[in-house]
PDB file of all heavy atoms in Angstrom:
ATOM      1  N   ALA A   1     -17.829 -39.247 -76.000  1.00  0.00           N
ATOM      2  CA  ALA A   1     -18.027 -40.521 -75.228  1.00  0.00           C
ATOM      3  C   ALA A   1     -16.642 -40.992 -74.701  1.00  0.00           C
ATOM      4  O   ALA A   1     -15.706 -41.209 -75.498  1.00  0.00           O
ATOM      5  CB  ALA A   1     -18.708 -41.582 -75.971  1.00  0.00           C
ATOM      6  N   ALA A   2     -16.566 -41.138 -73.383  1.00  0.00           N
ATOM      7  CA  ALA A   2     -15.378 -41.660 -72.763  1.00  0.00           C
ATOM      8  C   ALA A   2     -15.520 -43.142 -72.476  1.00  0.00           C
ATOM      9  O   ALA A   2     -16.546 -43.607 -72.020  1.00  0.00           O
ATOM     10  CB  ALA A   2     -15.053 -40.910 -71.531  1.00  0.00           C
ATOM     11  N   SER A   3     -14.452 -43.879 -72.783  1.00  0.00           N
ATOM     12  CA  SER A   3     -14.526 -45.316 -72.442  1.00  0.00           C
ATOM     13  C   SER A   3     -14.705 -45.586 -70.978  1.00  0.00           C
ATOM     14  O   SER A   3     -15.400 -46.459 -70.596  1.00  0.00           O
ATOM     15  CB  SER A   3     -13.218 -45.981 -72.966  1.00  0.00           C
ATOM     16  OG  SER A   3     -12.050 -45.491 -72.345  1.00  0.00           O
ATOM     17  N   ARG A   4     -14.009 -44.776 -70.181  1.00  0.00           N
ATOM     18  CA  ARG A   4     -14.134 -44.823 -68.716  1.00  0.00           C
ATOM     19  C   ARG A   4     -13.450 -43.658 -68.134  1.00  0.00           C
ATOM     20  O   ARG A   4     -12.369 -43.288 -68.571  1.00  0.00           O
ATOM     21  CB  ARG A   4     -13.480 -46.167 -68.195  1.00  0.00           C
ATOM     22  CG  ARG A   4     -13.536 -46.352 -66.735  1.00  0.00           C
ATOM     23  CD  ARG A   4     -12.927 -47.673 -66.307  1.00  0.00           C
ATOM     24  NE  ARG A   4     -11.586 -47.777 -66.712  1.00  0.00           N
ATOM     25  CZ  ARG A   4     -10.841 -48.931 -66.635  1.00  0.00           C
ATOM     26  NH1 ARG A   4     -11.434 -49.994 -66.162  1.00  0.00           N
ATOM     27  NH2 ARG A   4      -9.600 -48.994 -67.068  1.00  0.00           N
ATOM     28  N   LEU A   5     -14.091 -43.103 -67.131  1.00  0.00           N
ATOM     29  CA  LEU A   5     -13.461 -41.979 -66.398  1.00  0.00           C
ATOM     30  C   LEU A   5     -12.911 -42.536 -65.098  1.00  0.00           C
ATOM     31  O   LEU A   5     -13.623 -42.977 -64.222  1.00  0.00           O
ATOM     32  CB  LEU A   5     -14.505 -40.886 -66.101  1.00  0.00           C
ATOM     33  CG  LEU A   5     -15.149 -40.154 -67.268  1.00  0.00           C
ATOM     34  CD1 LEU A   5     -16.187 -39.148 -66.852  1.00  0.00           C
ATOM     35  CD2 LEU A   5     -14.047 -39.530 -68.101  1.00  0.00           C
ATOM     36  N   THR A   6     -11.577 -42.474 -65.057  1.00  0.00           N
ATOM     37  CA  THR A   6     -10.887 -43.019 -63.888  1.00  0.00           C
ATOM     38  C   THR A   6     -10.995 -41.979 -62.729  1.00  0.00           C
ATOM     39  O   THR A   6     -11.369 -40.823 -62.916  1.00  0.00           O
ATOM     40  CB  THR A   6      -9.433 -43.265 -64.178  1.00  0.00           C
ATOM     41  OG1 THR A   6      -8.733 -42.080 -64.430  1.00  0.00           O
ATOM     42  CG2 THR A   6      -9.299 -44.160 -65.431  1.00  0.00           C
ATOM     43  N   ASN A   7     -10.531 -42.392 -61.606  1.00  0.00           N
ATOM     44  CA  ASN A   7     -10.535 -41.510 -60.368  1.00  0.00           C
ATOM     45  C   ASN A   7      -9.573 -40.338 -60.606  1.00  0.00           C
ATOM     46  O   ASN A   7      -9.721 -39.337 -59.883  1.00  0.00           O
ATOM     47  CB  ASN A   7     -10.180 -42.250 -59.130  1.00  0.00           C
ATOM     48  CG  ASN A   7     -11.297 -43.228 -58.740  1.00  0.00           C
ATOM     49  OD1 ASN A   7     -12.453 -43.050 -59.071  1.00  0.00           O
ATOM     50  ND2 ASN A   7     -10.954 -44.265 -57.967  1.00  0.00           N
ATOM     51  N   ASN A   8      -8.629 -40.468 -61.554  1.00  0.00           N
ATOM     52  CA  ASN A   8      -7.688 -39.372 -61.803  1.00  0.00           C
ATOM     53  C   ASN A   8      -8.206 -38.243 -62.646  1.00  0.00           C
ATOM     54  O   ASN A   8      -7.552 -37.209 -62.743  1.00  0.00           O
ATOM     55  CB  ASN A   8      -6.355 -39.937 -62.320  1.00  0.00           C
ATOM     56  CG  ASN A   8      -5.603 -40.849 -61.490  1.00  0.00           C
ATOM     57  OD1 ASN A   8      -5.661 -40.697 -60.265  1.00  0.00           O
ATOM     58  ND2 ASN A   8      -4.871 -41.805 -61.946  1.00  0.00           N
ATOM     59  N   ILE A   9      -9.285 -38.526 -63.305  1.00  0.00           N
ATOM     60  CA  ILE A   9      -9.898 -37.517 -64.228  1.00  0.00           C
ATOM     61  C   ILE A   9     -10.897 -36.607 -63.417  1.00  0.00           C
ATOM     62  O   ILE A   9     -11.894 -37.140 -62.987  1.00  0.00           O
ATOM     63  CB  ILE A   9     -10.595 -38.190 -65.382  1.00  0.00           C
ATOM     64  CG1 ILE A   9      -9.584 -38.977 -66.248  1.00  0.00           C
ATOM     65  CG2 ILE A   9     -11.275 -37.141 -66.289  1.00  0.00           C
ATOM     66  CD1 ILE A   9      -8.410 -38.137 -66.778  1.00  0.00           C
ATOM     67  N   HIS A  10     -10.552 -35.369 -63.331  1.00  0.00           N
ATOM     68  CA  HIS A  10     -11.415 -34.421 -62.639  1.00  0.00           C
ATOM     69  C   HIS A  10     -12.149 -33.412 -63.477  1.00  0.00           C
ATOM     70  O   HIS A  10     -13.098 -32.784 -63.058  1.00  0.00           O
ATOM     71  CB  HIS A  10     -10.523 -33.635 -61.576  1.00  0.00           C
ATOM     72  CG  HIS A  10      -9.943 -34.501 -60.517  1.00  0.00           C
ATOM     73  ND1 HIS A  10     -10.736 -35.321 -59.751  1.00  0.00           N
ATOM     74  CD2 HIS A  10      -8.703 -34.569 -60.188  1.00  0.00           C
ATOM     75  CE1 HIS A  10      -9.882 -35.970 -58.914  1.00  0.00           C
ATOM     76  NE2 HIS A  10      -8.700 -35.516 -59.136  1.00  0.00           N
ATOM     77  N   ALA A  11     -11.759 -33.358 -64.756  1.00  0.00           N
ATOM     78  CA  ALA A  11     -12.460 -32.400 -65.614  1.00  0.00           C
ATOM     79  C   ALA A  11     -12.386 -32.879 -67.093  1.00  0.00           C
ATOM     80  O   ALA A  11     -11.413 -33.644 -67.487  1.00  0.00           O
ATOM     81  CB  ALA A  11     -11.860 -31.018 -65.547  1.00  0.00           C
ATOM     82  N   MET A  12     -13.313 -32.486 -67.876  1.00  0.00           N
ATOM     83  CA  MET A  12     -13.310 -32.675 -69.331  1.00  0.00           C
ATOM     84  C   MET A  12     -13.637 -31.420 -70.066  1.00  0.00           C
ATOM     85  O   MET A  12     -14.182 -30.486 -69.446  1.00  0.00           O
ATOM     86  CB  MET A  12     -14.303 -33.756 -69.727  1.00  0.00           C
ATOM     87  CG  MET A  12     -14.000 -35.142 -69.094  1.00  0.00           C
ATOM     88  SD  MET A  12     -15.181 -36.460 -69.594  1.00  0.00           S
ATOM     89  CE  MET A  12     -14.770 -36.600 -71.314  1.00  0.00           C
ATOM     90  N   GLY A  13     -13.319 -31.385 -71.336  1.00  0.00           N
ATOM     91  CA  GLY A  13     -13.521 -30.129 -72.021  1.00  0.00           C
ATOM     92  C   GLY A  13     -13.396 -30.255 -73.546  1.00  0.00           C
ATOM     93  O   GLY A  13     -13.339 -31.370 -74.068  1.00  0.00           O
ATOM     94  N   TRP A  14     -13.262 -29.119 -74.170  1.00  0.00           N
ATOM     95  CA  TRP A  14     -13.165 -29.040 -75.643  1.00  0.00           C
ATOM     96  C   TRP A  14     -12.135 -28.004 -76.057  1.00  0.00           C
ATOM     97  O   TRP A  14     -12.005 -26.947 -75.454  1.00  0.00           O
ATOM     98  CB  TRP A  14     -14.520 -28.661 -76.316  1.00  0.00           C
ATOM     99  CG  TRP A  14     -15.518 -29.687 -76.042  1.00  0.00           C
ATOM    100  CD1 TRP A  14     -16.434 -29.735 -75.017  1.00  0.00           C
ATOM    101  CD2 TRP A  14     -15.936 -30.727 -76.942  1.00  0.00           C
ATOM    102  NE1 TRP A  14     -17.243 -30.783 -75.128  1.00  0.00           N
ATOM    103  CE2 TRP A  14     -17.021 -31.413 -76.358  1.00  0.00           C
ATOM    104  CE3 TRP A  14     -15.446 -31.140 -78.181  1.00  0.00           C
ATOM    105  CZ2 TRP A  14     -17.629 -32.521 -76.955  1.00  0.00           C
ATOM    106  CZ3 TRP A  14     -16.065 -32.260 -78.725  1.00  0.00           C
ATOM    107  CH2 TRP A  14     -17.078 -32.929 -78.175  1.00  0.00           C
ATOM    108  N   PHE A  15     -11.289 -28.387 -77.026  1.00  0.00           N
ATOM    109  CA  PHE A  15     -10.419 -27.448 -77.691  1.00  0.00           C
ATOM    110  C   PHE A  15     -10.870 -27.471 -79.198  1.00  0.00           C
ATOM    111  O   PHE A  15     -11.673 -28.273 -79.574  1.00  0.00           O
ATOM    112  CB  PHE A  15      -8.981 -27.883 -77.700  1.00  0.00           C
ATOM    113  CG  PHE A  15      -8.151 -27.403 -76.475  1.00  0.00           C
ATOM    114  CD1 PHE A  15      -8.587 -27.838 -75.214  1.00  0.00           C
ATOM    115  CD2 PHE A  15      -7.085 -26.609 -76.644  1.00  0.00           C
ATOM    116  CE1 PHE A  15      -7.864 -27.367 -74.066  1.00  0.00           C
ATOM    117  CE2 PHE A  15      -6.366 -26.141 -75.514  1.00  0.00           C
ATOM    118  CZ  PHE A  15      -6.763 -26.610 -74.214  1.00  0.00           C
ATOM    119  N   ARG A  16     -10.365 -26.492 -79.996  1.00  0.00           N
ATOM    120  CA  ARG A  16     -10.649 -26.491 -81.402  1.00  0.00           C
ATOM    121  C   ARG A  16      -9.441 -25.933 -82.119  1.00  0.00           C
ATOM    122  O   ARG A  16      -8.586 -25.196 -81.604  1.00  0.00           O
ATOM    123  CB  ARG A  16     -11.890 -25.605 -81.704  1.00  0.00           C
ATOM    124  CG  ARG A  16     -11.709 -24.199 -81.460  1.00  0.00           C
ATOM    125  CD  ARG A  16     -13.008 -23.429 -81.771  1.00  0.00           C
ATOM    126  NE  ARG A  16     -12.885 -21.992 -81.583  1.00  0.00           N
ATOM    127  CZ  ARG A  16     -13.912 -21.126 -81.720  1.00  0.00           C
ATOM    128  NH1 ARG A  16     -15.138 -21.575 -82.023  1.00  0.00           N
ATOM    129  NH2 ARG A  16     -13.680 -19.849 -81.517  1.00  0.00           N
ATOM    130  N   GLN A  17      -9.352 -26.282 -83.397  1.00  0.00           N
ATOM    131  CA  GLN A  17      -8.255 -25.774 -84.248  1.00  0.00           C
ATOM    132  C   GLN A  17      -8.818 -25.482 -85.624  1.00  0.00           C
ATOM    133  O   GLN A  17      -9.285 -26.339 -86.346  1.00  0.00           O
ATOM    134  CB  GLN A  17      -7.103 -26.801 -84.408  1.00  0.00           C
ATOM    135  CG  GLN A  17      -5.945 -26.313 -85.166  1.00  0.00           C
ATOM    136  CD  GLN A  17      -4.702 -27.230 -84.969  1.00  0.00           C
ATOM    137  OE1 GLN A  17      -4.810 -28.328 -84.717  1.00  0.00           O
ATOM    138  NE2 GLN A  17      -3.510 -26.599 -85.132  1.00  0.00           N
ATOM    139  N   ALA A  18      -8.813 -24.203 -85.916  1.00  0.00           N
ATOM    140  CA  ALA A  18      -9.275 -23.679 -87.218  1.00  0.00           C
ATOM    141  C   ALA A  18      -8.162 -23.771 -88.208  1.00  0.00           C
ATOM    142  O   ALA A  18      -7.002 -23.800 -87.855  1.00  0.00           O
ATOM    143  CB  ALA A  18      -9.771 -22.221 -87.097  1.00  0.00           C
ATOM    144  N   PRO A  19      -8.478 -23.796 -89.521  1.00  0.00           N
ATOM    145  CA  PRO A  19      -7.502 -23.858 -90.542  1.00  0.00           C
ATOM    146  C   PRO A  19      -6.497 -22.711 -90.440  1.00  0.00           C
ATOM    147  O   PRO A  19      -6.849 -21.565 -90.354  1.00  0.00           O
ATOM    148  CB  PRO A  19      -8.283 -23.763 -91.858  1.00  0.00           C
ATOM    149  CG  PRO A  19      -9.589 -24.268 -91.498  1.00  0.00           C
ATOM    150  CD  PRO A  19      -9.903 -23.803 -90.081  1.00  0.00           C
ATOM    151  N   GLY A  20      -5.266 -23.028 -90.417  1.00  0.00           N
ATOM    152  CA  GLY A  20      -4.174 -22.050 -90.386  1.00  0.00           C
ATOM    153  C   GLY A  20      -3.920 -21.399 -89.008  1.00  0.00           C
ATOM    154  O   GLY A  20      -3.142 -20.460 -88.919  1.00  0.00           O
ATOM    155  N   LYS A  21      -4.651 -21.883 -87.960  1.00  0.00           N
ATOM    156  CA  LYS A  21      -4.491 -21.343 -86.650  1.00  0.00           C
ATOM    157  C   LYS A  21      -4.071 -22.323 -85.647  1.00  0.00           C
ATOM    158  O   LYS A  21      -4.156 -23.517 -85.877  1.00  0.00           O
ATOM    159  CB  LYS A  21      -5.914 -20.695 -86.232  1.00  0.00           C
ATOM    160  CG  LYS A  21      -6.321 -19.511 -87.049  1.00  0.00           C
ATOM    161  CD  LYS A  21      -7.590 -18.957 -86.524  1.00  0.00           C
ATOM    162  CE  LYS A  21      -8.043 -17.738 -87.358  1.00  0.00           C
ATOM    163  NZ  LYS A  21      -9.321 -17.143 -86.830  1.00  0.00           N
ATOM    164  N   GLU A  22      -3.598 -21.853 -84.499  1.00  0.00           N
ATOM    165  CA  GLU A  22      -3.167 -22.736 -83.427  1.00  0.00           C
ATOM    166  C   GLU A  22      -4.409 -23.293 -82.676  1.00  0.00           C
ATOM    167  O   GLU A  22      -5.478 -22.680 -82.662  1.00  0.00           O
ATOM    168  CB  GLU A  22      -2.264 -21.976 -82.496  1.00  0.00           C
ATOM    169  CG  GLU A  22      -0.935 -21.587 -83.033  1.00  0.00           C
ATOM    170  CD  GLU A  22      -0.018 -20.901 -82.017  1.00  0.00           C
ATOM    171  OE1 GLU A  22      -0.527 -20.652 -80.929  1.00  0.00           O
ATOM    172  OE2 GLU A  22       1.111 -20.647 -82.373  1.00  0.00           O
ATOM    173  N   ARG A  23      -4.249 -24.409 -82.073  1.00  0.00           N
ATOM    174  CA  ARG A  23      -5.274 -25.004 -81.286  1.00  0.00           C
ATOM    175  C   ARG A  23      -5.567 -24.153 -80.074  1.00  0.00           C
ATOM    176  O   ARG A  23      -4.641 -23.610 -79.373  1.00  0.00           O
ATOM    177  CB  ARG A  23      -4.854 -26.435 -80.829  1.00  0.00           C
ATOM    178  CG  ARG A  23      -5.999 -27.207 -80.311  1.00  0.00           C
ATOM    179  CD  ARG A  23      -5.571 -28.767 -80.121  1.00  0.00           C
ATOM    180  NE  ARG A  23      -5.224 -29.348 -81.360  1.00  0.00           N
ATOM    181  CZ  ARG A  23      -4.899 -30.612 -81.563  1.00  0.00           C
ATOM    182  NH1 ARG A  23      -4.895 -31.404 -80.528  1.00  0.00           N
ATOM    183  NH2 ARG A  23      -4.606 -31.094 -82.738  1.00  0.00           N
ATOM    184  N   GLU A  24      -6.873 -23.956 -79.755  1.00  0.00           N
ATOM    185  CA  GLU A  24      -7.262 -23.072 -78.712  1.00  0.00           C
ATOM    186  C   GLU A  24      -8.312 -23.693 -77.768  1.00  0.00           C
ATOM    187  O   GLU A  24      -9.158 -24.550 -78.241  1.00  0.00           O
ATOM    188  CB  GLU A  24      -7.777 -21.767 -79.243  1.00  0.00           C
ATOM    189  CG  GLU A  24      -9.061 -21.868 -80.019  1.00  0.00           C
ATOM    190  CD  GLU A  24      -9.569 -20.538 -80.536  1.00  0.00           C
ATOM    191  OE1 GLU A  24      -9.065 -19.459 -80.055  1.00  0.00           O
ATOM    192  OE2 GLU A  24     -10.549 -20.502 -81.276  1.00  0.00           O
ATOM    193  N   PHE A  25      -8.314 -23.364 -76.524  1.00  0.00           N
ATOM    194  CA  PHE A  25      -9.302 -23.774 -75.557  1.00  0.00           C
ATOM    195  C   PHE A  25     -10.687 -23.214 -75.857  1.00  0.00           C
ATOM    196  O   PHE A  25     -10.791 -22.077 -76.260  1.00  0.00           O
ATOM    197  CB  PHE A  25      -8.898 -23.400 -74.131  1.00  0.00           C
ATOM    198  CG  PHE A  25      -9.896 -23.570 -73.108  1.00  0.00           C
ATOM    199  CD1 PHE A  25     -10.234 -24.775 -72.633  1.00  0.00           C
ATOM    200  CD2 PHE A  25     -10.624 -22.403 -72.610  1.00  0.00           C
ATOM    201  CE1 PHE A  25     -11.196 -24.995 -71.703  1.00  0.00           C
ATOM    202  CE2 PHE A  25     -11.614 -22.591 -71.696  1.00  0.00           C
ATOM    203  CZ  PHE A  25     -11.919 -23.892 -71.175  1.00  0.00           C
ATOM    204  N   VAL A  26     -11.709 -24.063 -75.621  1.00  0.00           N
ATOM    205  CA  VAL A  26     -13.095 -23.652 -75.875  1.00  0.00           C
ATOM    206  C   VAL A  26     -13.889 -23.711 -74.584  1.00  0.00           C
ATOM    207  O   VAL A  26     -14.464 -22.647 -74.224  1.00  0.00           O
ATOM    208  CB  VAL A  26     -13.764 -24.584 -76.929  1.00  0.00           C
ATOM    209  CG1 VAL A  26     -15.207 -24.222 -77.067  1.00  0.00           C
ATOM    210  CG2 VAL A  26     -13.060 -24.476 -78.242  1.00  0.00           C
ATOM    211  N   ALA A  27     -13.942 -24.799 -73.921  1.00  0.00           N
ATOM    212  CA  ALA A  27     -14.779 -24.925 -72.739  1.00  0.00           C
ATOM    213  C   ALA A  27     -14.273 -26.155 -71.954  1.00  0.00           C
ATOM    214  O   ALA A  27     -13.697 -27.077 -72.437  1.00  0.00           O
ATOM    215  CB  ALA A  27     -16.259 -25.043 -73.077  1.00  0.00           C
ATOM    216  N   ALA A  28     -14.664 -26.105 -70.615  1.00  0.00           N
ATOM    217  CA  ALA A  28     -14.358 -27.251 -69.785  1.00  0.00           C
ATOM    218  C   ALA A  28     -15.376 -27.355 -68.649  1.00  0.00           C
ATOM    219  O   ALA A  28     -16.036 -26.327 -68.259  1.00  0.00           O
ATOM    220  CB  ALA A  28     -12.962 -27.083 -69.116  1.00  0.00           C
ATOM    221  N   ILE A  29     -15.502 -28.510 -68.148  1.00  0.00           N
ATOM    222  CA  ILE A  29     -16.440 -28.788 -66.981  1.00  0.00           C
ATOM    223  C   ILE A  29     -15.855 -29.843 -66.012  1.00  0.00           C
ATOM    224  O   ILE A  29     -15.218 -30.791 -66.491  1.00  0.00           O
ATOM    225  CB  ILE A  29     -17.808 -29.228 -67.529  1.00  0.00           C
ATOM    226  CG1 ILE A  29     -18.817 -29.319 -66.459  1.00  0.00           C
ATOM    227  CG2 ILE A  29     -17.673 -30.540 -68.225  1.00  0.00           C
ATOM    228  CD1 ILE A  29     -20.270 -29.543 -66.954  1.00  0.00           C
ATOM    229  N   VAL A  30     -16.078 -29.617 -64.756  1.00  0.00           N
ATOM    230  CA  VAL A  30     -15.643 -30.656 -63.822  1.00  0.00           C
ATOM    231  C   VAL A  30     -16.514 -31.869 -63.876  1.00  0.00           C
ATOM    232  O   VAL A  30     -17.691 -31.774 -64.116  1.00  0.00           O
ATOM    233  CB  VAL A  30     -15.529 -30.073 -62.337  1.00  0.00           C
ATOM    234  CG1 VAL A  30     -14.521 -28.976 -62.283  1.00  0.00           C
ATOM    235  CG2 VAL A  30     -16.927 -29.637 -61.961  1.00  0.00           C
TER     236      VAL A  30
END
């Protein structure tokens, strides 16, 4: 849930970080 999507925000998405691993991209949507 976003408090507010400003005009500058063109996309949202998800990252994840598993134990002992670097954060990685998962998915995005405009």
